[in-house]
Protein backbone atom coordinates (compact mmCIF):
# COMPACT_ATOMS: atom_id res chain seq x y z
CA MET A 1 80.35 72.36 99.20
CA ARG A 2 79.11 75.28 97.08
CA ARG A 3 81.62 74.52 94.33
CA ASP A 4 80.42 70.89 94.27
CA ARG A 5 76.82 72.02 93.78
CA ILE A 6 77.83 74.32 90.94
CA ASN A 7 79.88 71.61 89.24
CA SER A 8 77.07 69.09 89.69
CA SER A 9 74.53 71.45 88.13
CA ILE A 10 76.82 72.24 85.20
CA GLU A 11 77.37 68.51 84.64
CA GLN A 12 73.59 67.95 84.60
CA LEU A 13 73.22 70.77 82.06
CA ARG A 14 75.94 69.18 79.93
CA LEU A 15 74.05 65.89 79.88
CA ILE A 16 70.77 67.60 79.03
CA LEU A 17 72.31 69.68 76.22
CA GLU A 18 74.51 66.92 74.80
CA LYS A 19 72.56 66.79 71.51
CA GLU A 20 72.89 70.55 71.10
CA PHE A 21 76.65 70.27 71.51
CA GLN A 22 76.78 67.62 68.78
CA LYS A 23 74.60 69.75 66.51
CA ASN A 24 76.88 72.77 66.99
CA GLN A 25 80.00 70.59 66.65
CA LEU A 26 81.43 71.54 70.02
CA PRO A 27 84.10 69.35 71.62
CA SER A 28 82.94 66.19 73.38
CA LYS A 29 84.07 67.69 76.69
CA PRO A 30 82.87 71.30 76.47
CA GLU A 31 84.08 73.89 78.94
CA LYS A 32 81.81 75.18 81.67
CA ALA A 33 81.47 78.48 79.79
CA ASP A 34 80.24 76.59 76.68
CA ILE A 35 77.67 74.72 78.76
CA LEU A 36 76.37 77.91 80.37
CA GLU A 37 76.31 79.74 77.03
CA MET A 38 74.33 76.95 75.35
CA THR A 39 71.91 76.90 78.30
CA VAL A 40 71.27 80.63 77.95
CA ILE A 41 70.71 80.27 74.18
CA PHE A 42 68.36 77.34 74.72
CA ILE A 43 66.30 79.24 77.32
CA GLN A 44 66.12 82.32 75.07
CA GLN A 45 64.86 80.18 72.16
CA TYR A 46 62.32 78.52 74.43
CA MET A 47 61.01 81.87 75.65
CA ALA A 48 60.75 83.19 72.07
CA GLU A 49 58.76 80.09 70.99
CA LYS A 50 56.49 80.49 74.01
CA ASN A 51 55.74 84.10 73.01
CA VAL A 52 54.94 83.03 69.43
CA THR A 53 52.52 80.40 70.75
CA THR A 54 50.80 82.96 72.96
CA SER A 55 50.34 85.41 70.08
CA SER A 56 49.17 82.55 67.87
CA SER A 57 46.45 81.55 70.32
CA GLN A 58 45.41 85.21 70.65
CA ALA A 59 45.13 85.44 66.86
CA HIS A 60 42.98 82.29 66.91
CA ARG A 61 40.68 83.82 69.55
CA ASP A 62 40.42 87.06 67.58
CA GLY A 63 39.57 85.19 64.39
CA TYR A 64 36.99 83.08 66.16
CA SER A 65 35.34 86.17 67.66
CA THR A 66 35.23 87.81 64.24
CA CYS A 67 33.60 84.70 62.78
CA VAL A 68 30.96 84.64 65.53
CA ARG A 69 30.26 88.35 65.06
CA ASP A 70 29.93 87.97 61.28
CA SER A 71 27.66 84.95 61.71
CA VAL A 72 25.38 86.84 64.07
CA ASN A 73 25.25 89.82 61.72
CA PHE A 74 24.37 87.54 58.80
CA LEU A 75 21.67 85.72 60.75
CA SER A 76 20.20 88.98 62.00
CA LEU A 77 19.52 90.12 58.43
CA HIS A 78 17.28 87.18 57.57
CA THR A 79 13.70 86.36 58.40
CA GLN A 80 12.66 85.30 61.87
CA THR A 81 12.73 81.49 62.03
CA ASP A 82 13.13 78.98 64.80
CA THR A 83 16.40 77.79 63.27
CA ARG A 84 17.75 81.33 63.18
CA MET A 85 16.80 81.90 66.81
CA GLN A 86 18.38 78.61 67.85
CA LEU A 87 21.62 79.51 66.06
CA LEU A 88 21.67 82.96 67.65
CA GLN A 89 21.12 81.46 71.08
CA ASN A 90 23.91 78.94 70.50
CA LEU A 91 26.28 81.70 69.40
CA HIS A 92 25.32 83.72 72.46
CA GLY A 93 26.07 80.64 74.60
CA VAL A 94 29.50 80.30 72.99
CA GLN A 95 30.29 83.87 73.97
CA ILE A 96 29.30 83.19 77.57
CA VAL A 97 31.45 80.03 77.74
CA ASN A 98 34.44 81.89 76.28
CA ASN A 99 33.92 84.81 78.70
CA THR A 100 33.61 87.28 75.86
CA PRO A 101 31.24 90.18 76.27
CA SER A 102 28.09 89.82 74.27
CA ALA A 103 27.82 92.50 71.64
CA PHE A 104 24.82 90.74 70.16
CA PRO A 105 21.64 91.03 72.20
CA ILE A 106 19.31 88.20 71.47
CA SER A 107 15.67 89.08 71.41
CA GLN A 108 12.97 86.69 70.46
CA THR A 109 10.35 88.50 68.42
CA SER A 110 8.49 85.39 67.40
CA SER A 111 4.79 85.65 68.14
CA LYS A 112 4.50 82.07 69.37
CA PRO A 113 6.17 81.11 72.64
CA ARG A 114 8.92 78.51 72.41
CA THR A 115 8.32 75.30 74.25
CA PRO A 116 10.80 72.45 74.38
CA ASP A 117 9.84 69.64 72.05
CA SER A 118 10.59 66.41 73.87
CA SER A 119 9.99 64.30 70.74
CA ILE A 120 13.10 65.70 69.03
CA ALA A 121 16.32 64.06 70.19
CA LEU A 122 19.08 66.51 71.02
CA TRP A 123 22.42 65.60 69.45
CA ARG A 124 25.37 65.86 71.81
CA PRO A 125 28.98 65.25 70.86
CA TRP A 126 29.73 63.16 73.95
């Protein structure tokens, strides 16, 4: 019973890895050891690619955070305008959505209080 399960699993692996056998020019009826060896190699390659993807997405997040930080620094150097405040608030909102700690406190120093202008349509991407 146990031997049948092992043989069945190895046969399934052979069918799954058939293209790899052709690529590596192995015999059409590879031995069980060849099948297991190719499976191990395939899994190792898969794990290595998965690690590269993870580090790639981390690099993307780091770059994005740097861009947001540089944008906030640039905007903070310029005069107080409604557009500047709106951009700073949007950037602060992006940090909240991405669960990144806010290193950029947003303070509104404008002398006039902001009230929502209902006559201006708000563009939304959806």
